[in-house]
């Protein structure tokens, strides 16, 4: 497991909750740690994917009667991770040491979140989730062969819109960005009143000057909401740090209008994200520089500057240089 205290003690999405069926196992990976997921009623079990007997993957095992059996020698583990039966020695009481490594897991927003350490914070708030005026459309997951902080910074960056997302989110002839405000606070970063011209900001084909408020909730979780007049939309965006150079992006688009179907919204987001992927994967250095002297910055980079400063203040080492 990659040892970064900031991320070890945070929550990360590892799977769609609907994909984890009772009676089945699921193998996932987080911070280079292999995990097995399985359900017992409403309880989600997230363990190190390792039988402590001979190191076989428990995700290859069998779920039965609220237990998980190793596929190699049949060691049976209960929902708390304790081995309760050695088939080769059925009359022997298993040792207390015969226990799987268990992690915290929760279901929220239709996702399964896992914390590999002691949670320093709650699962980040998705402000529009409980607002019935918004329709929530799940998008992704998307794979970036890049560090997670690089991918988050790209999400926060609006000056690339006219060039990477030309004819959709921006226009090279209208690339100017206004002088917006950024605030760093105890729980993250808020960038307010960022206004840009967008030919097709929401997939409707209608161009407009659009203002946004961006928020960074956790080192690898952020979102935005359209703050200008008219139909509103928002995004909630979180990244699973699978490995140093492998990230999985999970997102929701939230809209308060109905002129686009869920499928159309999802297809539009797929298009935008797949334009971002090769750009982020091409960035060098691969790790996000926290030394502000390492790259050049402009006034329009205020959100990225604040993000890098905040990560340095938190002591994040994963995916940074």
C-alpha atoms as a PDB file:
ATOM      1  CA  UNK A   1       0.000   0.000   0.000  1.00  0.00           C
ATOM      2  CA  UNK A   2       1.259   3.486  -0.834  1.00  0.00           C
ATOM      3  CA  UNK A   3       1.815   5.265   2.450  1.00  0.00           C
ATOM      4  CA  UNK A   4       0.424   8.787   2.299  1.00  0.00           C
ATOM      5  CA  UNK A   5      -1.279   9.713   5.595  1.00  0.00           C
ATOM      6  CA  UNK A   6      -3.496  12.355   3.974  1.00  0.00           C
ATOM      7  CA  UNK A   7      -5.023   9.868   1.533  1.00  0.00           C
ATOM      8  CA  UNK A   8      -4.833   6.821   3.785  1.00  0.00           C
ATOM      9  CA  UNK A   9      -7.138   8.571   6.256  1.00  0.00           C
ATOM     10  CA  UNK A  10      -9.540   9.820   3.597  1.00  0.00           C
ATOM     11  CA  UNK A  11     -12.519   8.204   1.830  1.00  0.00           C
ATOM     12  CA  UNK A  12     -12.240   7.023  -1.777  1.00  0.00           C
ATOM     13  CA  UNK A  13     -14.758   5.567  -4.231  1.00  0.00           C
ATOM     14  CA  UNK A  14     -13.859   2.045  -5.320  1.00  0.00           C
ATOM     15  CA  UNK A  15     -17.027   0.740  -7.011  1.00  0.00           C
ATOM     16  CA  UNK A  16     -20.610   1.364  -8.047  1.00  0.00           C
ATOM     17  CA  UNK A  17     -22.816   0.076  -5.260  1.00  0.00           C
ATOM     18  CA  UNK A  18     -25.199  -1.523  -7.767  1.00  0.00           C
ATOM     19  CA  UNK A  19     -22.384  -3.704  -9.130  1.00  0.00           C
ATOM     20  CA  UNK A  20     -21.706  -5.385  -5.772  1.00  0.00           C
ATOM     21  CA  UNK A  21     -24.296  -8.128  -5.530  1.00  0.00           C
ATOM     22  CA  UNK A  22     -24.966 -10.073  -2.357  1.00  0.00           C
ATOM     23  CA  UNK A  23     -23.358 -13.492  -2.524  1.00  0.00           C
ATOM     24  CA  UNK A  24     -20.598 -12.260  -4.855  1.00  0.00           C
ATOM     25  CA  UNK A  25     -17.123 -10.836  -4.386  1.00  0.00           C
ATOM     26  CA  UNK A  26     -15.527  -7.916  -6.203  1.00  0.00           C
ATOM     27  CA  UNK A  27     -11.800  -7.234  -6.567  1.00  0.00           C
ATOM     28  CA  UNK A  28     -10.779  -3.554  -6.555  1.00  0.00           C
ATOM     29  CA  UNK A  29      -7.556  -1.611  -6.036  1.00  0.00           C
ATOM     30  CA  UNK A  30      -6.853   1.520  -3.998  1.00  0.00           C
ATOM     31  CA  UNK A  31      -3.463   3.153  -3.329  1.00  0.00           C
ATOM     32  CA  UNK A  32      -1.822   0.002  -4.737  1.00  0.00           C
ATOM     33  CA  UNK A  33      -3.665  -2.106  -2.159  1.00  0.00           C
ATOM     34  CA  UNK A  34      -5.709  -5.022  -3.538  1.00  0.00           C
ATOM     35  CA  UNK A  35      -9.120  -5.214  -1.872  1.00  0.00           C
ATOM     36  CA  UNK A  36     -12.017  -7.634  -1.883  1.00  0.00           C
ATOM     37  CA  UNK A  37     -15.555  -6.313  -1.465  1.00  0.00           C
ATOM     38  CA  UNK A  38     -18.589  -8.361  -0.466  1.00  0.00           C
ATOM     39  CA  UNK A  39     -21.990  -7.765   1.113  1.00  0.00           C
ATOM     40  CA  UNK A  40     -23.698  -9.137   4.176  1.00  0.00           C
ATOM     41  CA  UNK A  41     -27.186  -7.613   4.120  1.00  0.00           C
ATOM     42  CA  UNK A  42     -26.689  -3.847   4.432  1.00  0.00           C
ATOM     43  CA  UNK A  43     -23.096  -4.253   5.564  1.00  0.00           C
ATOM     44  CA  UNK A  44     -20.316  -3.814   3.009  1.00  0.00           C
ATOM     45  CA  UNK A  45     -17.108  -5.657   3.795  1.00  0.00           C
ATOM     46  CA  UNK A  46     -13.838  -4.290   2.410  1.00  0.00           C
ATOM     47  CA  UNK A  47     -10.780  -6.373   3.215  1.00  0.00           C
ATOM     48  CA  UNK A  48      -7.235  -6.781   2.050  1.00  0.00           C
ATOM     49  CA  UNK A  49      -7.565  -9.265  -0.798  1.00  0.00           C
ATOM     50  CA  UNK A  50      -5.379 -11.818   0.933  1.00  0.00           C
ATOM     51  CA  UNK A  51      -5.898 -15.020   2.866  1.00  0.00           C
ATOM     52  CA  UNK A  52      -3.405 -14.895   5.723  1.00  0.00           C
ATOM     53  CA  UNK A  53      -2.810 -18.652   5.424  1.00  0.00           C
ATOM     54  CA  UNK A  54      -1.039 -18.883   2.045  1.00  0.00           C
ATOM     55  CA  UNK A  55      -1.672 -15.501   0.454  1.00  0.00           C
ATOM     56  CA  UNK A  56      -4.407 -16.427  -2.023  1.00  0.00           C
ATOM     57  CA  UNK A  57      -6.834 -13.763  -3.237  1.00  0.00           C
ATOM     58  CA  UNK A  58     -10.030 -13.945  -1.214  1.00  0.00           C
ATOM     59  CA  UNK A  59     -11.865 -12.336  -4.139  1.00  0.00           C
ATOM     60  CA  UNK A  60     -11.626 -15.757  -5.812  1.00  0.00           C
ATOM     61  CA  UNK A  61     -13.468 -17.296  -2.870  1.00  0.00           C
ATOM     62  CA  UNK A  62     -17.072 -18.195  -2.165  1.00  0.00           C
ATOM     63  CA  UNK A  63     -19.656 -16.218  -0.181  1.00  0.00           C
ATOM     64  CA  UNK A  64     -22.106 -18.426   1.699  1.00  0.00           C
ATOM     65  CA  UNK A  65     -24.144 -18.089   4.902  1.00  0.00           C
ATOM     66  CA  UNK A  66     -22.658 -14.655   5.680  1.00  0.00           C
ATOM     67  CA  UNK A  67     -19.100 -15.963   5.434  1.00  0.00           C
ATOM     68  CA  UNK A  68     -16.319 -15.827   2.856  1.00  0.00           C
ATOM     69  CA  UNK A  69     -14.296 -18.974   2.168  1.00  0.00           C
ATOM     70  CA  UNK A  70     -10.803 -18.909   0.704  1.00  0.00           C
ATOM     71  CA  UNK A  71     -10.625 -20.801  -2.624  1.00  0.00           C
ATOM     72  CA  UNK A  72      -7.286 -22.463  -1.782  1.00  0.00           C
ATOM     73  CA  UNK A  73      -7.750 -24.361   1.496  1.00  0.00           C
ATOM     74  CA  UNK A  74     -11.307 -23.345   2.364  1.00  0.00           C
ATOM     75  CA  UNK A  75     -10.561 -21.215   5.422  1.00  0.00           C
ATOM     76  CA  UNK A  76     -13.876 -19.615   6.376  1.00  0.00           C
ATOM     77  CA  UNK A  77     -14.038 -15.969   7.529  1.00  0.00           C
ATOM     78  CA  UNK A  78     -17.015 -14.284   9.174  1.00  0.00           C
ATOM     79  CA  UNK A  79     -18.250 -10.779   8.373  1.00  0.00           C
ATOM     80  CA  UNK A  80     -15.799  -9.259  10.873  1.00  0.00           C
ATOM     81  CA  UNK A  81     -12.802 -10.871   9.169  1.00  0.00           C
ATOM     82  CA  UNK A  82     -12.191 -13.544  11.791  1.00  0.00           C
ATOM     83  CA  UNK A  83     -11.482 -17.049  10.537  1.00  0.00           C
ATOM     84  CA  UNK A  84     -14.056 -19.375  12.103  1.00  0.00           C
ATOM     85  CA  UNK A  85     -13.189 -22.717  10.506  1.00  0.00           C
ATOM     86  CA  UNK A  86     -10.180 -24.652   9.244  1.00  0.00           C
ATOM     87  CA  UNK A  87     -11.670 -27.388   7.011  1.00  0.00           C
ATOM     88  CA  UNK A  88      -8.531 -29.512   7.401  1.00  0.00           C
ATOM     89  CA  UNK A  89      -8.977 -29.354  11.210  1.00  0.00           C
ATOM     90  CA  UNK A  90     -12.709 -28.883  11.784  1.00  0.00           C
ATOM     91  CA  UNK A  91     -12.506 -29.452  15.547  1.00  0.00           C
ATOM     92  CA  UNK A  92      -9.735 -26.884  16.060  1.00  0.00           C
ATOM     93  CA  UNK A  93     -10.690 -23.401  17.236  1.00  0.00           C
ATOM     94  CA  UNK A  94      -9.107 -20.890  14.820  1.00  0.00           C
ATOM     95  CA  UNK A  95      -6.506 -18.579  16.295  1.00  0.00           C
ATOM     96  CA  UNK A  96      -7.328 -14.927  16.969  1.00  0.00           C
ATOM     97  CA  UNK A  97      -4.434 -14.168  14.627  1.00  0.00           C
ATOM     98  CA  UNK A  98      -6.297 -15.885  11.801  1.00  0.00           C
ATOM     99  CA  UNK A  99      -8.009 -12.669  10.775  1.00  0.00           C
ATOM    100  CA  UNK A 100      -8.295 -10.787   7.485  1.00  0.00           C
ATOM    101  CA  UNK A 101      -7.222  -7.153   7.387  1.00  0.00           C
ATOM    102  CA  UNK A 102     -10.471  -5.195   7.479  1.00  0.00           C
ATOM    103  CA  UNK A 103     -11.043  -1.638   6.250  1.00  0.00           C
ATOM    104  CA  UNK A 104     -13.944   0.780   6.703  1.00  0.00           C
ATOM    105  CA  UNK A 105     -16.491   0.864   3.893  1.00  0.00           C
ATOM    106  CA  UNK A 106     -19.669   2.872   3.342  1.00  0.00           C
ATOM    107  CA  UNK A 107     -22.252   3.324   0.626  1.00  0.00           C
ATOM    108  CA  UNK A 108     -23.164   6.874  -0.386  1.00  0.00           C
ATOM    109  CA  UNK A 109     -24.329   8.536  -3.629  1.00  0.00           C
ATOM    110  CA  UNK A 110     -24.657   5.069  -5.140  1.00  0.00           C
ATOM    111  CA  UNK A 111     -20.924   4.479  -4.701  1.00  0.00           C
ATOM    112  CA  UNK A 112     -18.900   2.328  -2.328  1.00  0.00           C
ATOM    113  CA  UNK A 113     -16.339   4.372  -0.426  1.00  0.00           C
ATOM    114  CA  UNK A 114     -13.367   2.853   1.422  1.00  0.00           C
ATOM    115  CA  UNK A 115     -10.951   4.331   3.952  1.00  0.00           C
ATOM    116  CA  UNK A 116      -7.702   2.448   4.505  1.00  0.00           C
ATOM    117  CA  UNK A 117      -6.943   4.221   7.786  1.00  0.00           C
ATOM    118  CA  UNK A 118      -8.822   6.182  10.438  1.00  0.00           C
ATOM    119  CA  UNK A 119     -11.160   8.642   8.691  1.00  0.00           C
ATOM    120  CA  UNK A 120     -10.054  12.205   9.333  1.00  0.00           C
ATOM    121  CA  UNK A 121     -13.227  13.565   7.695  1.00  0.00           C
ATOM    122  CA  UNK A 122     -16.660  12.413   6.650  1.00  0.00           C
ATOM    123  CA  UNK A 123     -17.393  11.475   3.038  1.00  0.00           C
ATOM    124  CA  UNK A 124     -17.424  14.770   1.082  1.00  0.00           C
ATOM    125  CA  UNK A 125     -20.727  16.553   0.682  1.00  0.00           C
ATOM    126  CA  UNK A 126     -22.378  16.481  -2.748  1.00  0.00           C
ATOM    127  CA  UNK A 127     -24.529  19.627  -2.330  1.00  0.00           C
ATOM    128  CA  UNK A 128     -27.102  18.804  -5.015  1.00  0.00           C
ATOM    129  CA  UNK A 129     -27.636  15.162  -3.981  1.00  0.00           C
ATOM    130  CA  UNK A 130     -30.606  15.825  -1.681  1.00  0.00           C
ATOM    131  CA  UNK A 131     -31.971  18.726  -3.752  1.00  0.00           C
ATOM    132  CA  UNK A 132     -35.012  17.339  -5.578  1.00  0.00           C
ATOM    133  CA  UNK A 133     -34.906  20.154  -8.151  1.00  0.00           C
ATOM    134  CA  UNK A 134     -31.774  18.554  -9.643  1.00  0.00           C
ATOM    135  CA  UNK A 135     -31.682  15.389 -11.721  1.00  0.00           C
ATOM    136  CA  UNK A 136     -28.494  13.447 -11.027  1.00  0.00           C
ATOM    137  CA  UNK A 137     -26.801  11.574 -13.889  1.00  0.00           C
ATOM    138  CA  UNK A 138     -23.928   9.226 -13.144  1.00  0.00           C
ATOM    139  CA  UNK A 139     -20.941   9.438 -15.510  1.00  0.00           C
ATOM    140  CA  UNK A 140     -17.877   7.237 -15.750  1.00  0.00           C
ATOM    141  CA  UNK A 141     -15.809   5.789 -14.338  1.00  0.00           C
ATOM    142  CA  UNK A 142     -13.049   7.106 -16.585  1.00  0.00           C
ATOM    143  CA  UNK A 143      -9.448   5.931 -16.517  1.00  0.00           C
ATOM    144  CA  UNK A 144      -6.487   8.302 -16.576  1.00  0.00           C
ATOM    145  CA  UNK A 145      -2.976   6.903 -16.798  1.00  0.00           C
ATOM    146  CA  UNK A 146      -1.805   9.878 -14.808  1.00  0.00           C
ATOM    147  CA  UNK A 147      -1.466  11.019 -11.213  1.00  0.00           C
ATOM    148  CA  UNK A 148      -4.696  11.921  -9.442  1.00  0.00           C
ATOM    149  CA  UNK A 149      -3.659  15.493  -8.464  1.00  0.00           C
ATOM    150  CA  UNK A 150      -2.900  16.273 -12.123  1.00  0.00           C
ATOM    151  CA  UNK A 151      -6.396  15.085 -13.069  1.00  0.00           C
ATOM    152  CA  UNK A 152      -8.074  17.152 -10.327  1.00  0.00           C
ATOM    153  CA  UNK A 153      -6.161  20.269 -11.341  1.00  0.00           C
ATOM    154  CA  UNK A 154      -7.323  19.768 -14.933  1.00  0.00           C
ATOM    155  CA  UNK A 155     -10.919  19.599 -13.680  1.00  0.00           C
ATOM    156  CA  UNK A 156     -10.416  22.923 -11.886  1.00  0.00           C
ATOM    157  CA  UNK A 157      -8.806  24.626 -14.884  1.00  0.00           C
ATOM    158  CA  UNK A 158     -11.116  26.708 -17.077  1.00  0.00           C
ATOM    159  CA  UNK A 159      -8.495  28.342 -19.314  1.00  0.00           C
ATOM    160  CA  UNK A 160      -8.079  25.138 -21.343  1.00  0.00           C
ATOM    161  CA  UNK A 161     -11.741  25.156 -22.408  1.00  0.00           C
ATOM    162  CA  UNK A 162     -11.257  27.170 -25.664  1.00  0.00           C
ATOM    163  CA  UNK A 163      -8.485  24.857 -26.844  1.00  0.00           C
ATOM    164  CA  UNK A 164      -9.131  21.335 -25.544  1.00  0.00           C
ATOM    165  CA  UNK A 165     -12.934  21.650 -25.740  1.00  0.00           C
ATOM    166  CA  UNK A 166     -13.241  24.015 -28.707  1.00  0.00           C
ATOM    167  CA  UNK A 167     -16.806  24.325 -30.057  1.00  0.00           C
ATOM    168  CA  UNK A 168     -18.180  22.791 -26.853  1.00  0.00           C
ATOM    169  CA  UNK A 169     -16.926  24.587 -23.739  1.00  0.00           C
ATOM    170  CA  UNK A 170     -14.870  27.381 -25.290  1.00  0.00           C
ATOM    171  CA  UNK A 171     -13.828  29.417 -28.309  1.00  0.00           C
ATOM    172  CA  UNK A 172     -10.210  30.507 -29.042  1.00  0.00           C
ATOM    173  CA  UNK A 173     -11.586  33.895 -30.164  1.00  0.00           C
ATOM    174  CA  UNK A 174     -13.113  34.367 -26.700  1.00  0.00           C
ATOM    175  CA  UNK A 175     -10.450  32.907 -24.427  1.00  0.00           C
ATOM    176  CA  UNK A 176     -10.239  35.758 -21.895  1.00  0.00           C
ATOM    177  CA  UNK A 177     -10.970  34.884 -18.269  1.00  0.00           C
ATOM    178  CA  UNK A 178     -12.296  37.426 -15.784  1.00  0.00           C
ATOM    179  CA  UNK A 179     -10.573  38.391 -12.538  1.00  0.00           C
ATOM    180  CA  UNK A 180     -12.239  35.936 -10.170  1.00  0.00           C
ATOM    181  CA  UNK A 181     -11.850  35.368  -6.417  1.00  0.00           C
ATOM    182  CA  UNK A 182     -10.354  32.327  -4.664  1.00  0.00           C
ATOM    183  CA  UNK A 183     -10.642  31.554  -0.974  1.00  0.00           C
ATOM    184  CA  UNK A 184      -8.792  28.809   0.899  1.00  0.00           C
ATOM    185  CA  UNK A 185     -10.462  27.730   4.114  1.00  0.00           C
ATOM    186  CA  UNK A 186     -10.215  24.907   6.641  1.00  0.00           C
ATOM    187  CA  UNK A 187     -12.233  22.459   4.545  1.00  0.00           C
ATOM    188  CA  UNK A 188     -10.931  23.252   1.075  1.00  0.00           C
ATOM    189  CA  UNK A 189     -11.021  25.896  -1.639  1.00  0.00           C
ATOM    190  CA  UNK A 190     -13.760  28.015  -3.224  1.00  0.00           C
ATOM    191  CA  UNK A 191     -13.277  29.862  -6.518  1.00  0.00           C
ATOM    192  CA  UNK A 192     -16.208  32.202  -7.170  1.00  0.00           C
ATOM    193  CA  UNK A 193     -17.665  33.961 -10.189  1.00  0.00           C
ATOM    194  CA  UNK A 194     -15.429  32.481 -12.886  1.00  0.00           C
ATOM    195  CA  UNK A 195     -16.995  33.675 -16.140  1.00  0.00           C
ATOM    196  CA  UNK A 196     -16.211  32.282 -19.595  1.00  0.00           C
ATOM    197  CA  UNK A 197     -17.850  32.254 -23.026  1.00  0.00           C
ATOM    198  CA  UNK A 198     -19.067  28.775 -23.954  1.00  0.00           C
ATOM    199  CA  UNK A 199     -20.530  27.774 -27.348  1.00  0.00           C
ATOM    200  CA  UNK A 200     -22.286  24.726 -25.902  1.00  0.00           C
ATOM    201  CA  UNK A 201     -21.830  24.574 -22.116  1.00  0.00           C
ATOM    202  CA  UNK A 202     -24.458  21.944 -21.358  1.00  0.00           C
ATOM    203  CA  UNK A 203     -24.961  20.004 -24.597  1.00  0.00           C
ATOM    204  CA  UNK A 204     -27.980  22.049 -25.661  1.00  0.00           C
ATOM    205  CA  UNK A 205     -26.164  23.827 -28.529  1.00  0.00           C
ATOM    206  CA  UNK A 206     -26.811  27.302 -27.081  1.00  0.00           C
ATOM    207  CA  UNK A 207     -23.773  29.570 -26.513  1.00  0.00           C
ATOM    208  CA  UNK A 208     -23.546  31.872 -23.488  1.00  0.00           C
ATOM    209  CA  UNK A 209     -21.338  33.713 -21.024  1.00  0.00           C
ATOM    210  CA  UNK A 210     -21.436  31.356 -18.082  1.00  0.00           C
ATOM    211  CA  UNK A 211     -20.312  31.905 -14.495  1.00  0.00           C
ATOM    212  CA  UNK A 212     -19.211  29.080 -12.223  1.00  0.00           C
ATOM    213  CA  UNK A 213     -18.339  28.494  -8.611  1.00  0.00           C
ATOM    214  CA  UNK A 214     -15.760  25.735  -8.122  1.00  0.00           C
ATOM    215  CA  UNK A 215     -15.135  23.998  -4.818  1.00  0.00           C
ATOM    216  CA  UNK A 216     -12.401  21.593  -3.710  1.00  0.00           C
ATOM    217  CA  UNK A 217     -13.748  19.448  -0.880  1.00  0.00           C
ATOM    218  CA  UNK A 218     -10.884  17.018  -0.365  1.00  0.00           C
ATOM    219  CA  UNK A 219      -7.481  16.585  -2.081  1.00  0.00           C
ATOM    220  CA  UNK A 220      -9.052  14.359  -4.752  1.00  0.00           C
ATOM    221  CA  UNK A 221     -12.685  15.519  -4.703  1.00  0.00           C
ATOM    222  CA  UNK A 222     -14.089  18.692  -6.240  1.00  0.00           C
ATOM    223  CA  UNK A 223     -17.178  20.094  -7.890  1.00  0.00           C
ATOM    224  CA  UNK A 224     -18.742  23.113  -9.510  1.00  0.00           C
ATOM    225  CA  UNK A 225     -22.122  24.719  -9.953  1.00  0.00           C
ATOM    226  CA  UNK A 226     -23.269  27.154 -12.617  1.00  0.00           C
ATOM    227  CA  UNK A 227     -23.918  30.373 -10.709  1.00  0.00           C
ATOM    228  CA  UNK A 228     -25.218  32.583 -13.539  1.00  0.00           C
ATOM    229  CA  UNK A 229     -28.892  32.970 -14.435  1.00  0.00           C
ATOM    230  CA  UNK A 230     -30.851  30.415 -16.411  1.00  0.00           C
ATOM    231  CA  UNK A 231     -30.890  26.617 -16.254  1.00  0.00           C
ATOM    232  CA  UNK A 232     -28.415  25.335 -13.697  1.00  0.00           C
ATOM    233  CA  UNK A 233     -26.087  22.391 -13.750  1.00  0.00           C
ATOM    234  CA  UNK A 234     -23.402  21.122 -11.448  1.00  0.00           C
ATOM    235  CA  UNK A 235     -20.784  18.406 -11.247  1.00  0.00           C
ATOM    236  CA  UNK A 236     -19.402  16.300  -8.422  1.00  0.00           C
ATOM    237  CA  UNK A 237     -16.039  14.782  -9.334  1.00  0.00           C
ATOM    238  CA  UNK A 238     -13.878  12.415  -7.308  1.00  0.00           C
ATOM    239  CA  UNK A 239     -10.780  10.428  -8.190  1.00  0.00           C
ATOM    240  CA  UNK A 240      -9.693   7.020  -6.966  1.00  0.00           C
ATOM    241  CA  UNK A 241      -5.885   6.904  -6.643  1.00  0.00           C
ATOM    242  CA  UNK A 242      -5.391   3.354  -7.895  1.00  0.00           C
ATOM    243  CA  UNK A 243      -1.625   3.784  -8.234  1.00  0.00           C
ATOM    244  CA  UNK A 244       0.824   6.637  -8.718  1.00  0.00           C
ATOM    245  CA  UNK A 245       0.202   6.700 -12.465  1.00  0.00           C
ATOM    246  CA  UNK A 246      -3.317   5.274 -12.597  1.00  0.00           C
ATOM    247  CA  UNK A 247      -6.473   7.143 -11.594  1.00  0.00           C
ATOM    248  CA  UNK A 248     -10.154   6.331 -11.897  1.00  0.00           C
ATOM    249  CA  UNK A 249     -12.598   9.213 -12.163  1.00  0.00           C
ATOM    250  CA  UNK A 250     -16.189   9.059 -10.892  1.00  0.00           C
ATOM    251  CA  UNK A 251     -18.646  11.862 -11.567  1.00  0.00           C
ATOM    252  CA  UNK A 252     -22.218  13.043 -11.348  1.00  0.00           C
ATOM    253  CA  UNK A 253     -23.786  15.721 -13.505  1.00  0.00           C
ATOM    254  CA  UNK A 254     -26.729  17.429 -11.784  1.00  0.00           C
ATOM    255  CA  UNK A 255     -29.200  19.477 -13.875  1.00  0.00           C
ATOM    256  CA  UNK A 256     -32.469  21.281 -13.169  1.00  0.00           C
ATOM    257  CA  UNK A 257     -33.771  21.067 -16.745  1.00  0.00           C
ATOM    258  CA  UNK A 258     -35.244  18.256 -18.836  1.00  0.00           C
ATOM    259  CA  UNK A 259     -34.462  19.062 -22.484  1.00  0.00           C
ATOM    260  CA  UNK A 260     -31.701  16.429 -22.515  1.00  0.00           C
ATOM    261  CA  UNK A 261     -32.041  12.752 -21.655  1.00  0.00           C
ATOM    262  CA  UNK A 262     -29.728  11.013 -19.200  1.00  0.00           C
ATOM    263  CA  UNK A 263     -28.110   9.237 -22.138  1.00  0.00           C
ATOM    264  CA  UNK A 264     -27.449  12.526 -23.958  1.00  0.00           C
ATOM    265  CA  UNK A 265     -25.928  14.083 -20.822  1.00  0.00           C
ATOM    266  CA  UNK A 266     -23.743  11.025 -20.289  1.00  0.00           C
ATOM    267  CA  UNK A 267     -22.589  10.955 -23.912  1.00  0.00           C
ATOM    268  CA  UNK A 268     -21.708  14.653 -23.767  1.00  0.00           C
ATOM    269  CA  UNK A 269     -19.686  14.157 -20.585  1.00  0.00           C
ATOM    270  CA  UNK A 270     -17.947  11.153 -22.147  1.00  0.00           C
ATOM    271  CA  UNK A 271     -16.932  13.362 -25.074  1.00  0.00           C
ATOM    272  CA  UNK A 272     -15.559  16.133 -22.847  1.00  0.00           C
ATOM    273  CA  UNK A 273     -13.666  13.752 -20.570  1.00  0.00           C
ATOM    274  CA  UNK A 274     -12.100  11.827 -23.434  1.00  0.00           C
ATOM    275  CA  UNK A 275     -10.776  15.132 -24.776  1.00  0.00           C
ATOM    276  CA  UNK A 276      -9.118  15.750 -21.401  1.00  0.00           C
ATOM    277  CA  UNK A 277      -7.539  12.323 -20.957  1.00  0.00           C
ATOM    278  CA  UNK A 278      -4.697  12.527 -23.544  1.00  0.00           C
ATOM    279  CA  UNK A 279      -3.821  16.051 -22.384  1.00  0.00           C
ATOM    280  CA  UNK A 280      -3.501  15.062 -18.732  1.00  0.00           C
ATOM    281  CA  UNK A 281      -1.641  11.863 -19.599  1.00  0.00           C
ATOM    282  CA  UNK A 282       0.876  13.892 -21.621  1.00  0.00           C
ATOM    283  CA  UNK A 283       1.800  16.322 -18.834  1.00  0.00           C
ATOM    284  CA  UNK A 284       5.382  16.368 -17.566  1.00  0.00           C
ATOM    285  CA  UNK A 285       6.467  16.010 -14.918  1.00  0.00           C
ATOM    286  CA  UNK A 286       3.910  13.310 -14.279  1.00  0.00           C
ATOM    287  CA  UNK A 287       3.677  14.316 -10.616  1.00  0.00           C
ATOM    288  CA  UNK A 288       2.073  17.657  -9.764  1.00  0.00           C
ATOM    289  CA  UNK A 289       4.753  20.197  -8.739  1.00  0.00           C
ATOM    290  CA  UNK A 290       3.943  21.846  -5.410  1.00  0.00           C
ATOM    291  CA  UNK A 291       6.891  24.223  -5.751  1.00  0.00           C
ATOM    292  CA  UNK A 292       5.295  27.217  -7.452  1.00  0.00           C
ATOM    293  CA  UNK A 293       8.649  28.084  -9.048  1.00  0.00           C
ATOM    294  CA  UNK A 294       8.642  24.824 -11.007  1.00  0.00           C
ATOM    295  CA  UNK A 295       6.085  26.038 -13.570  1.00  0.00           C
ATOM    296  CA  UNK A 296       4.867  29.439 -14.773  1.00  0.00           C
ATOM    297  CA  UNK A 297       1.540  30.842 -13.556  1.00  0.00           C
ATOM    298  CA  UNK A 298      -0.879  33.605 -14.564  1.00  0.00           C
ATOM    299  CA  UNK A 299      -3.661  35.412 -12.746  1.00  0.00           C
ATOM    300  CA  UNK A 300      -6.155  33.040 -14.379  1.00  0.00           C
ATOM    301  CA  UNK A 301      -4.374  30.128 -12.642  1.00  0.00           C
ATOM    302  CA  UNK A 302      -5.477  31.262  -9.180  1.00  0.00           C
ATOM    303  CA  UNK A 303      -7.471  28.121  -8.465  1.00  0.00           C
ATOM    304  CA  UNK A 304      -4.550  25.851  -9.401  1.00  0.00           C
ATOM    305  CA  UNK A 305      -2.140  27.955  -7.339  1.00  0.00           C
ATOM    306  CA  UNK A 306      -4.450  27.749  -4.320  1.00  0.00           C
ATOM    307  CA  UNK A 307      -4.856  23.991  -4.846  1.00  0.00           C
ATOM    308  CA  UNK A 308      -1.102  23.393  -4.919  1.00  0.00           C
ATOM    309  CA  UNK A 309      -0.550  25.553  -1.830  1.00  0.00           C
ATOM    310  CA  UNK A 310      -3.321  23.703   0.010  1.00  0.00           C
ATOM    311  CA  UNK A 311      -1.905  20.278  -0.864  1.00  0.00           C
ATOM    312  CA  UNK A 312       1.496  21.394   0.392  1.00  0.00           C
ATOM    313  CA  UNK A 313      -0.075  22.656   3.613  1.00  0.00           C
ATOM    314  CA  UNK A 314      -1.871  19.335   4.118  1.00  0.00           C
ATOM    315  CA  UNK A 315       1.382  17.446   3.548  1.00  0.00           C
ATOM    316  CA  UNK A 316       0.163  15.417   0.579  1.00  0.00           C
ATOM    317  CA  UNK A 317       3.017  13.429  -0.946  1.00  0.00           C
ATOM    318  CA  UNK A 318       1.112  11.048  -3.249  1.00  0.00           C
ATOM    319  CA  UNK A 319       1.157  12.169  -6.880  1.00  0.00           C
ATOM    320  CA  UNK A 320       3.086  15.349  -6.130  1.00  0.00           C
ATOM    321  CA  UNK A 321       6.654  16.547  -6.612  1.00  0.00           C
END
